[in-house]
Amino acid sequence: MLDQHPGIFMCPVKETNFFALEGNSIAFEGPGDREALTRNPLVTTVTDIEDYARLFEEAAPHQHVGEACPLYIYSQRAVDRIADRLPEAKLIVVLRDPVARAFSAYSMLCQAGR
């Protein structure tokens, strides 16, 4: 919904996981992880600050920038890194019914063959 506002540029990559995993070597080892992480170019993990910054290069000077990443709510490192790098950031958190969210995640994994 935020992406529809002309004053907001949303990151074209969903779930960059940058602030949670910055500087880490990524090696997800669950069933189908590697295929799932390379299948969709719009969903990828970014761990390098330069790569992360490039994701926002197309934003106009007047636009606020944002991204969507559920992992941040679980990661204390993400909280600390956001506070350090973006102390003026405004955060929006959308919470879902836990059972509906779990079923949605299960359905998505099944659909992806995972």
PDB file of N, CA and C in Angstrom:
ATOM      1  N   MET A   1       0.824  -1.198   0.000  1.00  0.00           N
ATOM      2  CA  MET A   1       0.000   0.000   0.000  1.00  0.00           C
ATOM      3  C   MET A   1       0.869   1.262   0.000  1.00  0.00           C
ATOM      4  N   LEU A   2       1.973   1.245   0.748  1.00  0.00           N
ATOM      5  CA  LEU A   2       2.836   2.422   0.806  1.00  0.00           C
ATOM      6  C   LEU A   2       3.426   2.747  -0.561  1.00  0.00           C
ATOM      7  N   ASP A   3       3.698   1.722  -1.343  1.00  0.00           N
ATOM      8  CA  ASP A   3       4.303   1.894  -2.662  1.00  0.00           C
ATOM      9  C   ASP A   3       3.413   2.700  -3.607  1.00  0.00           C
ATOM     10  N   GLN A   4       2.136   2.779  -3.313  1.00  0.00           N
ATOM     11  CA  GLN A   4       1.210   3.505  -4.171  1.00  0.00           C
ATOM     12  C   GLN A   4       1.294   5.027  -3.966  1.00  0.00           C
ATOM     13  N   HIS A   5       1.909   5.456  -2.885  1.00  0.00           N
ATOM     14  CA  HIS A   5       2.004   6.887  -2.598  1.00  0.00           C
ATOM     15  C   HIS A   5       3.186   7.473  -3.374  1.00  0.00           C
ATOM     16  N   PRO A   6       2.991   8.584  -4.080  1.00  0.00           N
ATOM     17  CA  PRO A   6       4.078   9.152  -4.892  1.00  0.00           C
ATOM     18  C   PRO A   6       5.259   9.670  -4.064  1.00  0.00           C
ATOM     19  N   GLY A   7       5.057   9.905  -2.786  1.00  0.00           N
ATOM     20  CA  GLY A   7       6.140  10.402  -1.945  1.00  0.00           C
ATOM     21  C   GLY A   7       6.945   9.304  -1.277  1.00  0.00           C
ATOM     22  N   ILE A   8       6.642   8.051  -1.640  1.00  0.00           N
ATOM     23  CA  ILE A   8       7.337   6.923  -1.009  1.00  0.00           C
ATOM     24  C   ILE A   8       7.909   6.004  -2.082  1.00  0.00           C
ATOM     25  N   PHE A   9       9.148   5.620  -1.908  1.00  0.00           N
ATOM     26  CA  PHE A   9       9.799   4.630  -2.768  1.00  0.00           C
ATOM     27  C   PHE A   9      10.042   3.389  -1.921  1.00  0.00           C
ATOM     28  N   MET A  10       9.386   2.308  -2.274  1.00  0.00           N
ATOM     29  CA  MET A  10       9.598   1.050  -1.560  1.00  0.00           C
ATOM     30  C   MET A  10      10.652   0.234  -2.298  1.00  0.00           C
ATOM     31  N   CYS A  11      11.517  -0.388  -1.541  1.00  0.00           N
ATOM     32  CA  CYS A  11      12.578  -1.227  -2.092  1.00  0.00           C
ATOM     33  C   CYS A  11      11.972  -2.259  -3.039  1.00  0.00           C
ATOM     34  N   PRO A  12      12.531  -2.424  -4.238  1.00  0.00           N
ATOM     35  CA  PRO A  12      11.991  -3.405  -5.177  1.00  0.00           C
ATOM     36  C   PRO A  12      12.219  -4.845  -4.733  1.00  0.00           C
ATOM     37  N   VAL A  13      13.127  -5.058  -3.807  1.00  0.00           N
ATOM     38  CA  VAL A  13      13.377  -6.397  -3.270  1.00  0.00           C
ATOM     39  C   VAL A  13      12.650  -6.519  -1.947  1.00  0.00           C
ATOM     40  N   LYS A  14      11.820  -7.531  -1.825  1.00  0.00           N
ATOM     41  CA  LYS A  14      11.108  -7.753  -0.571  1.00  0.00           C
ATOM     42  C   LYS A  14      11.965  -8.652   0.319  1.00  0.00           C
ATOM     43  N   GLU A  15      11.979  -8.318   1.580  1.00  0.00           N
ATOM     44  CA  GLU A  15      12.696  -9.111   2.583  1.00  0.00           C
ATOM     45  C   GLU A  15      14.200  -9.168   2.307  1.00  0.00           C
ATOM     46  N   THR A  16      14.844  -8.026   2.306  1.00  0.00           N
ATOM     47  CA  THR A  16      16.293  -7.991   2.115  1.00  0.00           C
ATOM     48  C   THR A  16      17.030  -8.594   3.308  1.00  0.00           C
ATOM     49  N   ASN A  17      16.414  -8.547   4.469  1.00  0.00           N
ATOM     50  CA  ASN A  17      17.017  -9.052   5.721  1.00  0.00           C
ATOM     51  C   ASN A  17      18.297  -8.315   6.094  1.00  0.00           C
ATOM     52  N   PHE A  18      18.558  -7.188   5.454  1.00  0.00           N
ATOM     53  CA  PHE A  18      19.844  -6.515   5.616  1.00  0.00           C
ATOM     54  C   PHE A  18      20.190  -6.200   7.067  1.00  0.00           C
ATOM     55  N   PHE A  19      19.311  -5.529   7.764  1.00  0.00           N
ATOM     56  CA  PHE A  19      19.654  -5.097   9.117  1.00  0.00           C
ATOM     57  C   PHE A  19      19.773  -6.264  10.099  1.00  0.00           C
ATOM     58  N   ALA A  20      19.152  -7.375   9.800  1.00  0.00           N
ATOM     59  CA  ALA A  20      19.273  -8.559  10.653  1.00  0.00           C
ATOM     60  C   ALA A  20      20.539  -9.354  10.355  1.00  0.00           C
ATOM     61  N   LEU A  21      20.968  -9.364   9.090  1.00  0.00           N
ATOM     62  CA  LEU A  21      22.047 -10.267   8.680  1.00  0.00           C
ATOM     63  C   LEU A  21      23.265  -9.561   8.088  1.00  0.00           C
ATOM     64  N   GLU A  22      23.357  -8.250   8.248  1.00  0.00           N
ATOM     65  CA  GLU A  22      24.473  -7.493   7.687  1.00  0.00           C
ATOM     66  C   GLU A  22      25.814  -8.117   8.050  1.00  0.00           C
ATOM     67  N   GLY A  23      26.647  -8.305   7.030  1.00  0.00           N
ATOM     68  CA  GLY A  23      27.992  -8.823   7.243  1.00  0.00           C
ATOM     69  C   GLY A  23      28.093 -10.323   7.408  1.00  0.00           C
ATOM     70  N   ASN A  24      26.964 -11.013   7.473  1.00  0.00           N
ATOM     71  CA  ASN A  24      26.988 -12.469   7.659  1.00  0.00           C
ATOM     72  C   ASN A  24      27.113 -13.194   6.327  1.00  0.00           C
ATOM     73  N   SER A  25      27.709 -14.364   6.379  1.00  0.00           N
ATOM     74  CA  SER A  25      27.720 -15.262   5.232  1.00  0.00           C
ATOM     75  C   SER A  25      26.431 -16.075   5.308  1.00  0.00           C
ATOM     76  N   ILE A  26      25.669 -16.099   4.238  1.00  0.00           N
ATOM     77  CA  ILE A  26      24.362 -16.745   4.256  1.00  0.00           C
ATOM     78  C   ILE A  26      24.472 -18.167   3.715  1.00  0.00           C
ATOM     79  N   ALA A  27      24.002 -19.105   4.519  1.00  0.00           N
ATOM     80  CA  ALA A  27      23.999 -20.514   4.111  1.00  0.00           C
ATOM     81  C   ALA A  27      22.773 -21.189   4.713  1.00  0.00           C
ATOM     82  N   PHE A  28      21.594 -20.868   4.168  1.00  0.00           N
ATOM     83  CA  PHE A  28      20.375 -21.509   4.639  1.00  0.00           C
ATOM     84  C   PHE A  28      20.397 -22.963   4.180  1.00  0.00           C
ATOM     85  N   GLU A  29      20.133 -23.881   5.075  1.00  0.00           N
ATOM     86  CA  GLU A  29      20.290 -25.299   4.763  1.00  0.00           C
ATOM     87  C   GLU A  29      18.996 -26.102   4.853  1.00  0.00           C
ATOM     88  N   GLY A  30      17.851 -25.440   4.969  1.00  0.00           N
ATOM     89  CA  GLY A  30      16.583 -26.163   5.044  1.00  0.00           C
ATOM     90  C   GLY A  30      16.199 -26.738   3.692  1.00  0.00           C
ATOM     91  N   PRO A  31      15.245 -27.663   3.674  1.00  0.00           N
ATOM     92  CA  PRO A  31      14.803 -28.276   2.413  1.00  0.00           C
ATOM     93  C   PRO A  31      14.298 -27.218   1.433  1.00  0.00           C
ATOM     94  N   GLY A  32      14.932 -27.131   0.300  1.00  0.00           N
ATOM     95  CA  GLY A  32      14.505 -26.218  -0.751  1.00  0.00           C
ATOM     96  C   GLY A  32      14.929 -24.773  -0.554  1.00  0.00           C
ATOM     97  N   ASP A  33      15.690 -24.468   0.502  1.00  0.00           N
ATOM     98  CA  ASP A  33      16.073 -23.079   0.767  1.00  0.00           C
ATOM     99  C   ASP A  33      16.842 -22.464  -0.391  1.00  0.00           C
ATOM    100  N   ARG A  34      17.855 -23.152  -0.856  1.00  0.00           N
ATOM    101  CA  ARG A  34      18.707 -22.591  -1.907  1.00  0.00           C
ATOM    102  C   ARG A  34      17.881 -22.271  -3.161  1.00  0.00           C
ATOM    103  N   GLU A  35      17.013 -23.194  -3.563  1.00  0.00           N
ATOM    104  CA  GLU A  35      16.197 -22.974  -4.748  1.00  0.00           C
ATOM    105  C   GLU A  35      15.218 -21.823  -4.524  1.00  0.00           C
ATOM    106  N   ALA A  36      14.615 -21.779  -3.348  1.00  0.00           N
ATOM    107  CA  ALA A  36      13.645 -20.732  -3.053  1.00  0.00           C
ATOM    108  C   ALA A  36      14.307 -19.361  -3.034  1.00  0.00           C
ATOM    109  N   LEU A  37      15.518 -19.293  -2.542  1.00  0.00           N
ATOM    110  CA  LEU A  37      16.206 -18.012  -2.427  1.00  0.00           C
ATOM    111  C   LEU A  37      16.769 -17.521  -3.756  1.00  0.00           C
ATOM    112  N   THR A  38      16.868 -18.396  -4.744  1.00  0.00           N
ATOM    113  CA  THR A  38      17.395 -17.975  -6.042  1.00  0.00           C
ATOM    114  C   THR A  38      16.313 -17.930  -7.121  1.00  0.00           C
ATOM    115  N   ARG A  39      15.144 -18.452  -6.836  1.00  0.00           N
ATOM    116  CA  ARG A  39      14.083 -18.532  -7.833  1.00  0.00           C
ATOM    117  C   ARG A  39      13.464 -17.162  -8.134  1.00  0.00           C
ATOM    118  N   ASN A  40      13.249 -16.353  -7.122  1.00  0.00           N
ATOM    119  CA  ASN A  40      12.564 -15.075  -7.293  1.00  0.00           C
ATOM    120  C   ASN A  40      13.542 -13.927  -7.063  1.00  0.00           C
ATOM    121  N   PRO A  41      13.881 -13.173  -8.110  1.00  0.00           N
ATOM    122  CA  PRO A  41      14.848 -12.078  -7.938  1.00  0.00           C
ATOM    123  C   PRO A  41      14.330 -10.939  -7.062  1.00  0.00           C
ATOM    124  N   LEU A  42      13.032 -10.924  -6.774  1.00  0.00           N
ATOM    125  CA  LEU A  42      12.472  -9.865  -5.941  1.00  0.00           C
ATOM    126  C   LEU A  42      12.535 -10.208  -4.450  1.00  0.00           C
ATOM    127  N   VAL A  43      12.948 -11.426  -4.127  1.00  0.00           N
ATOM    128  CA  VAL A  43      13.103 -11.827  -2.732  1.00  0.00           C
ATOM    129  C   VAL A  43      14.522 -12.340  -2.578  1.00  0.00           C
ATOM    130  N   THR A  44      15.347 -11.599  -1.870  1.00  0.00           N
ATOM    131  CA  THR A  44      16.732 -12.002  -1.715  1.00  0.00           C
ATOM    132  C   THR A  44      17.313 -11.400  -0.451  1.00  0.00           C
ATOM    133  N   THR A  45      18.314 -12.023   0.089  1.00  0.00           N
ATOM    134  CA  THR A  45      18.990 -11.509   1.266  1.00  0.00           C
ATOM    135  C   THR A  45      20.201 -10.692   0.837  1.00  0.00           C
ATOM    136  N   VAL A  46      20.331  -9.507   1.399  1.00  0.00           N
ATOM    137  CA  VAL A  46      21.435  -8.605   1.095  1.00  0.00           C
ATOM    138  C   VAL A  46      22.215  -8.391   2.389  1.00  0.00           C
ATOM    139  N   THR A  47      23.521  -8.610   2.357  1.00  0.00           N
ATOM    140  CA  THR A  47      24.326  -8.477   3.579  1.00  0.00           C
ATOM    141  C   THR A  47      25.408  -7.411   3.481  1.00  0.00           C
ATOM    142  N   ASP A  48      25.508  -6.748   2.339  1.00  0.00           N
ATOM    143  CA  ASP A  48      26.541  -5.741   2.116  1.00  0.00           C
ATOM    144  C   ASP A  48      25.897  -4.359   1.999  1.00  0.00           C
ATOM    145  N   ILE A  49      26.427  -3.365   2.707  1.00  0.00           N
ATOM    146  CA  ILE A  49      25.833  -2.025   2.734  1.00  0.00           C
ATOM    147  C   ILE A  49      25.786  -1.378   1.353  1.00  0.00           C
ATOM    148  N   GLU A  50      26.792  -1.608   0.528  1.00  0.00           N
ATOM    149  CA  GLU A  50      26.778  -1.022  -0.813  1.00  0.00           C
ATOM    150  C   GLU A  50      25.676  -1.637  -1.670  1.00  0.00           C
ATOM    151  N   ASP A  51      25.512  -2.957  -1.578  1.00  0.00           N
ATOM    152  CA  ASP A  51      24.435  -3.623  -2.319  1.00  0.00           C
ATOM    153  C   ASP A  51      23.074  -3.135  -1.829  1.00  0.00           C
ATOM    154  N   TYR A  52      22.949  -2.942  -0.530  1.00  0.00           N
ATOM    155  CA  TYR A  52      21.702  -2.458   0.045  1.00  0.00           C
ATOM    156  C   TYR A  52      21.392  -1.048  -0.468  1.00  0.00           C
ATOM    157  N   ALA A  53      22.375  -0.171  -0.452  1.00  0.00           N
ATOM    158  CA  ALA A  53      22.171   1.205  -0.901  1.00  0.00           C
ATOM    159  C   ALA A  53      21.749   1.250  -2.370  1.00  0.00           C
ATOM    160  N   ARG A  54      22.305   0.360  -3.192  1.00  0.00           N
ATOM    161  CA  ARG A  54      21.958   0.327  -4.621  1.00  0.00           C
ATOM    162  C   ARG A  54      20.475   0.029  -4.848  1.00  0.00           C
ATOM    163  N   LEU A  55      19.851  -0.662  -3.917  1.00  0.00           N
ATOM    164  CA  LEU A  55      18.433  -0.992  -4.065  1.00  0.00           C
ATOM    165  C   LEU A  55      17.546   0.252  -4.053  1.00  0.00           C
ATOM    166  N   PHE A  56      18.067   1.354  -3.550  1.00  0.00           N
ATOM    167  CA  PHE A  56      17.278   2.577  -3.414  1.00  0.00           C
ATOM    168  C   PHE A  56      17.718   3.676  -4.383  1.00  0.00           C
ATOM    169  N   GLU A  57      18.584   3.344  -5.330  1.00  0.00           N
ATOM    170  CA  GLU A  57      19.117   4.343  -6.264  1.00  0.00           C
ATOM    171  C   GLU A  57      18.049   5.006  -7.132  1.00  0.00           C
ATOM    172  N   GLU A  58      16.963   4.308  -7.400  1.00  0.00           N
ATOM    173  CA  GLU A  58      15.929   4.861  -8.284  1.00  0.00           C
ATOM    174  C   GLU A  58      14.952   5.777  -7.560  1.00  0.00           C
ATOM    175  N   ALA A  59      15.108   5.922  -6.252  1.00  0.00           N
ATOM    176  CA  ALA A  59      14.221   6.816  -5.502  1.00  0.00           C
ATOM    177  C   ALA A  59      14.487   8.259  -5.898  1.00  0.00           C
ATOM    178  N   ALA A  60      13.432   9.021  -6.056  1.00  0.00           N
ATOM    179  CA  ALA A  60      13.560  10.452  -6.349  1.00  0.00           C
ATOM    180  C   ALA A  60      13.997  11.180  -5.076  1.00  0.00           C
ATOM    181  N   PRO A  61      14.663  12.315  -5.225  1.00  0.00           N
ATOM    182  CA  PRO A  61      15.155  13.050  -4.051  1.00  0.00           C
ATOM    183  C   PRO A  61      14.060  13.417  -3.044  1.00  0.00           C
ATOM    184  N   HIS A  62      12.844  13.638  -3.527  1.00  0.00           N
ATOM    185  CA  HIS A  62      11.756  14.041  -2.628  1.00  0.00           C
ATOM    186  C   HIS A  62      11.082  12.851  -1.932  1.00  0.00           C
ATOM    187  N   GLN A  63      11.415  11.641  -2.332  1.00  0.00           N
ATOM    188  CA  GLN A  63      10.726  10.473  -1.786  1.00  0.00           C
ATOM    189  C   GLN A  63      11.366   9.964  -0.497  1.00  0.00           C
ATOM    190  N   HIS A  64      10.510   9.499   0.389  1.00  0.00           N
ATOM    191  CA  HIS A  64      10.960   8.741   1.542  1.00  0.00           C
ATOM    192  C   HIS A  64      11.141   7.308   1.050  1.00  0.00           C
ATOM    193  N   VAL A  65      12.093   6.582   1.616  1.00  0.00           N
ATOM    194  CA  VAL A  65      12.328   5.205   1.177  1.00  0.00           C
ATOM    195  C   VAL A  65      11.952   4.228   2.286  1.00  0.00           C
ATOM    196  N   GLY A  66      11.586   3.027   1.860  1.00  0.00           N
ATOM    197  CA  GLY A  66      11.212   2.010   2.833  1.00  0.00           C
ATOM    198  C   GLY A  66      11.408   0.627   2.277  1.00  0.00           C
ATOM    199  N   GLU A  67      11.260  -0.333   3.159  1.00  0.00           N
ATOM    200  CA  GLU A  67      11.331  -1.742   2.763  1.00  0.00           C
ATOM    201  C   GLU A  67      10.430  -2.552   3.675  1.00  0.00           C
ATOM    202  N   ALA A  68      10.160  -3.783   3.295  1.00  0.00           N
ATOM    203  CA  ALA A  68       9.332  -4.690   4.084  1.00  0.00           C
ATOM    204  C   ALA A  68      10.157  -5.916   4.432  1.00  0.00           C
ATOM    205  N   CYS A  69      10.294  -6.192   5.722  1.00  0.00           N
ATOM    206  CA  CYS A  69      11.104  -7.337   6.135  1.00  0.00           C
ATOM    207  C   CYS A  69      10.644  -7.863   7.497  1.00  0.00           C
ATOM    208  N   PRO A  70       9.890  -8.953   7.503  1.00  0.00           N
ATOM    209  CA  PRO A  70       9.396  -9.503   8.759  1.00  0.00           C
ATOM    210  C   PRO A  70      10.494  -9.979   9.712  1.00  0.00           C
ATOM    211  N   LEU A  71      11.663 -10.324   9.198  1.00  0.00           N
ATOM    212  CA  LEU A  71      12.733 -10.836  10.063  1.00  0.00           C
ATOM    213  C   LEU A  71      13.175  -9.804  11.101  1.00  0.00           C
ATOM    214  N   TYR A  72      13.019  -8.521  10.789  1.00  0.00           N
ATOM    215  CA  TYR A  72      13.486  -7.480  11.705  1.00  0.00           C
ATOM    216  C   TYR A  72      12.789  -7.526  13.060  1.00  0.00           C
ATOM    217  N   ILE A  73      11.555  -7.950  13.076  1.00  0.00           N
ATOM    218  CA  ILE A  73      10.830  -7.972  14.343  1.00  0.00           C
ATOM    219  C   ILE A  73      11.376  -9.042  15.297  1.00  0.00           C
ATOM    220  N   TYR A  74      12.068 -10.028  14.769  1.00  0.00           N
ATOM    221  CA  TYR A  74      12.622 -11.117  15.577  1.00  0.00           C
ATOM    222  C   TYR A  74      14.082 -10.896  15.966  1.00  0.00           C
ATOM    223  N   SER A  75      14.719  -9.899  15.401  1.00  0.00           N
ATOM    224  CA  SER A  75      16.165  -9.761  15.524  1.00  0.00           C
ATOM    225  C   SER A  75      16.567  -8.543  16.353  1.00  0.00           C
ATOM    226  N   GLN A  76      17.209  -8.772  17.483  1.00  0.00           N
ATOM    227  CA  GLN A  76      17.733  -7.653  18.270  1.00  0.00           C
ATOM    228  C   GLN A  76      18.831  -6.927  17.497  1.00  0.00           C
ATOM    229  N   ARG A  77      19.601  -7.677  16.717  1.00  0.00           N
ATOM    230  CA  ARG A  77      20.641  -7.034  15.899  1.00  0.00           C
ATOM    231  C   ARG A  77      20.024  -6.035  14.926  1.00  0.00           C
ATOM    232  N   ALA A  78      18.897  -6.408  14.344  1.00  0.00           N
ATOM    233  CA  ALA A  78      18.230  -5.492  13.412  1.00  0.00           C
ATOM    234  C   ALA A  78      17.810  -4.215  14.128  1.00  0.00           C
ATOM    235  N   VAL A  79      17.239  -4.354  15.305  1.00  0.00           N
ATOM    236  CA  VAL A  79      16.807  -3.181  16.079  1.00  0.00           C
ATOM    237  C   VAL A  79      17.993  -2.259  16.338  1.00  0.00           C
ATOM    238  N   ASP A  80      19.093  -2.827  16.804  1.00  0.00           N
ATOM    239  CA  ASP A  80      20.283  -2.034  17.111  1.00  0.00           C
ATOM    240  C   ASP A  80      20.869  -1.385  15.858  1.00  0.00           C
ATOM    241  N   ARG A  81      20.918  -2.136  14.764  1.00  0.00           N
ATOM    242  CA  ARG A  81      21.499  -1.601  13.527  1.00  0.00           C
ATOM    243  C   ARG A  81      20.637  -0.497  12.924  1.00  0.00           C
ATOM    244  N   ILE A  82      19.330  -0.668  12.968  1.00  0.00           N
ATOM    245  CA  ILE A  82      18.436   0.378  12.461  1.00  0.00           C
ATOM    246  C   ILE A  82      18.600   1.644  13.301  1.00  0.00           C
ATOM    247  N   ALA A  83      18.629   1.485  14.612  1.00  0.00           N
ATOM    248  CA  ALA A  83      18.797   2.640  15.505  1.00  0.00           C
ATOM    249  C   ALA A  83      20.130   3.337  15.255  1.00  0.00           C
ATOM    250  N   ASP A  84      21.159   2.563  14.964  1.00  0.00           N
ATOM    251  CA  ASP A  84      22.487   3.129  14.725  1.00  0.00           C
ATOM    252  C   ASP A  84      22.577   3.843  13.374  1.00  0.00           C
ATOM    253  N   ARG A  85      22.122   3.166  12.309  1.00  0.00           N
ATOM    254  CA  ARG A  85      22.271   3.715  10.961  1.00  0.00           C
ATOM    255  C   ARG A  85      21.175   4.704  10.587  1.00  0.00           C
ATOM    256  N   LEU A  86      19.970   4.500  11.124  1.00  0.00           N
ATOM    257  CA  LEU A  86      18.819   5.319  10.738  1.00  0.00           C
ATOM    258  C   LEU A  86      18.065   5.796  11.980  1.00  0.00           C
ATOM    259  N   PRO A  87      18.681   6.622  12.799  1.00  0.00           N
ATOM    260  CA  PRO A  87      18.047   7.002  14.066  1.00  0.00           C
ATOM    261  C   PRO A  87      16.719   7.749  13.899  1.00  0.00           C
ATOM    262  N   GLU A  88      16.479   8.338  12.738  1.00  0.00           N
ATOM    263  CA  GLU A  88      15.232   9.064  12.497  1.00  0.00           C
ATOM    264  C   GLU A  88      14.179   8.194  11.799  1.00  0.00           C
ATOM    265  N   ALA A  89      14.461   6.911  11.632  1.00  0.00           N
ATOM    266  CA  ALA A  89      13.545   6.028  10.903  1.00  0.00           C
ATOM    267  C   ALA A  89      12.193   5.940  11.597  1.00  0.00           C
ATOM    268  N   LYS A  90      11.162   5.848  10.794  1.00  0.00           N
ATOM    269  CA  LYS A  90       9.811   5.589  11.273  1.00  0.00           C
ATOM    270  C   LYS A  90       9.490   4.150  10.891  1.00  0.00           C
ATOM    271  N   LEU A  91       9.066   3.359  11.856  1.00  0.00           N
ATOM    272  CA  LEU A  91       8.793   1.952  11.617  1.00  0.00           C
ATOM    273  C   LEU A  91       7.298   1.677  11.690  1.00  0.00           C
ATOM    274  N   ILE A  92       6.838   0.826  10.806  1.00  0.00           N
ATOM    275  CA  ILE A  92       5.447   0.372  10.814  1.00  0.00           C
ATOM    276  C   ILE A  92       5.483  -1.130  10.994  1.00  0.00           C
ATOM    277  N   VAL A  93       4.774  -1.623  11.978  1.00  0.00           N
ATOM    278  CA  VAL A  93       4.721  -3.053  12.236  1.00  0.00           C
ATOM    279  C   VAL A  93       3.273  -3.504  12.092  1.00  0.00           C
ATOM    280  N   VAL A  94       3.055  -4.511  11.287  1.00  0.00           N
ATOM    281  CA  VAL A  94       1.732  -5.088  11.118  1.00  0.00           C
ATOM    282  C   VAL A  94       1.763  -6.475  11.738  1.00  0.00           C
ATOM    283  N   LEU A  95       0.934  -6.678  12.720  1.00  0.00           N
ATOM    284  CA  LEU A  95       0.879  -7.977  13.394  1.00  0.00           C
ATOM    285  C   LEU A  95      -0.345  -8.740  12.910  1.00  0.00           C
ATOM    286  N   ARG A  96      -0.164 -10.035  12.705  1.00  0.00           N
ATOM    287  CA  ARG A  96      -1.254 -10.878  12.233  1.00  0.00           C
ATOM    288  C   ARG A  96      -1.638 -11.862  13.311  1.00  0.00           C
ATOM    289  N   ASP A  97      -2.819 -12.416  13.162  1.00  0.00           N
ATOM    290  CA  ASP A  97      -3.246 -13.494  14.041  1.00  0.00           C
ATOM    291  C   ASP A  97      -2.229 -14.622  13.906  1.00  0.00           C
ATOM    292  N   PRO A  98      -1.641 -15.100  15.010  1.00  0.00           N
ATOM    293  CA  PRO A  98      -0.563 -16.096  14.915  1.00  0.00           C
ATOM    294  C   PRO A  98      -0.958 -17.380  14.198  1.00  0.00           C
ATOM    295  N   VAL A  99      -2.179 -17.842  14.384  1.00  0.00           N
ATOM    296  CA  VAL A  99      -2.606 -19.083  13.722  1.00  0.00           C
ATOM    297  C   VAL A  99      -2.756 -18.846  12.221  1.00  0.00           C
ATOM    298  N   ALA A 100      -3.362 -17.732  11.842  1.00  0.00           N
ATOM    299  CA  ALA A 100      -3.515 -17.422  10.418  1.00  0.00           C
ATOM    300  C   ALA A 100      -2.150 -17.232   9.762  1.00  0.00           C
ATOM    301  N   ARG A 101      -1.217 -16.594  10.465  1.00  0.00           N
ATOM    302  CA  ARG A 101       0.124 -16.388   9.930  1.00  0.00           C
ATOM    303  C   ARG A 101       0.849 -17.709   9.752  1.00  0.00           C
ATOM    304  N   ALA A 102       0.733 -18.594  10.738  1.00  0.00           N
ATOM    305  CA  ALA A 102       1.393 -19.902  10.645  1.00  0.00           C
ATOM    306  C   ALA A 102       0.818 -20.719   9.483  1.00  0.00           C
ATOM    307  N   PHE A 103      -0.495 -20.697   9.316  1.00  0.00           N
ATOM    308  CA  PHE A 103      -1.112 -21.428   8.220  1.00  0.00           C
ATOM    309  C   PHE A 103      -0.689 -20.840   6.876  1.00  0.00           C
ATOM    310  N   SER A 104      -0.608 -19.514   6.798  1.00  0.00           N
ATOM    311  CA  SER A 104      -0.168 -18.854   5.577  1.00  0.00           C
ATOM    312  C   SER A 104       1.265 -19.255   5.230  1.00  0.00           C
ATOM    313  N   ALA A 105       2.146 -19.273   6.237  1.00  0.00           N
ATOM    314  CA  ALA A 105       3.538 -19.677   6.003  1.00  0.00           C
ATOM    315  C   ALA A 105       3.601 -21.134   5.543  1.00  0.00           C
ATOM    316  N   TYR A 106       2.837 -21.996   6.188  1.00  0.00           N
ATOM    317  CA  TYR A 106       2.789 -23.409   5.808  1.00  0.00           C
ATOM    318  C   TYR A 106       2.316 -23.553   4.359  1.00  0.00           C
ATOM    319  N   SER A 107       1.244 -22.841   4.011  1.00  0.00           N
ATOM    320  CA  SER A 107       0.701 -22.926   2.648  1.00  0.00           C
ATOM    321  C   SER A 107       1.719 -22.444   1.621  1.00  0.00           C
ATOM    322  N   MET A 108       2.420 -21.342   1.947  1.00  0.00           N
ATOM    323  CA  MET A 108       3.422 -20.806   1.034  1.00  0.00           C
ATOM    324  C   MET A 108       4.564 -21.815   0.841  1.00  0.00           C
ATOM    325  N   LEU A 109       5.012 -22.435   1.915  1.00  0.00           N
ATOM    326  CA  LEU A 109       6.097 -23.425   1.814  1.00  0.00           C
ATOM    327  C   LEU A 109       5.654 -24.645   1.017  1.00  0.00           C
ATOM    328  N   CYS A 110       4.426 -25.099   1.237  1.00  0.00           N
ATOM    329  CA  CYS A 110       3.911 -26.231   0.466  1.00  0.00           C
ATOM    330  C   CYS A 110       3.826 -25.897  -1.015  1.00  0.00           C
ATOM    331  N   GLN A 111       3.335 -24.710  -1.309  1.00  0.00           N
ATOM    332  CA  GLN A 111       3.213 -24.261  -2.696  1.00  0.00           C
ATOM    333  C   GLN A 111       4.582 -24.219  -3.373  1.00  0.00           C
ATOM    334  N   ALA A 112       5.613 -23.877  -2.613  1.00  0.00           N
ATOM    335  CA  ALA A 112       6.976 -23.801  -3.148  1.00  0.00           C
ATOM    336  C   ALA A 112       7.678 -25.159  -3.138  1.00  0.00           C
ATOM    337  N   GLY A 113       6.972 -26.202  -2.727  1.00  0.00           N
ATOM    338  CA  GLY A 113       7.563 -27.534  -2.691  1.00  0.00           C
ATOM    339  C   GLY A 113       8.533 -27.729  -1.542  1.00  0.00           C
ATOM    340  N   ARG A 114       8.378 -26.951  -0.496  1.00  0.00           N
ATOM    341  CA  ARG A 114       9.301 -27.017   0.619  1.00  0.00           C
ATOM    342  C   ARG A 114       8.623 -27.613   1.839  1.00  0.00           C
TER     343      ARG A 114
END
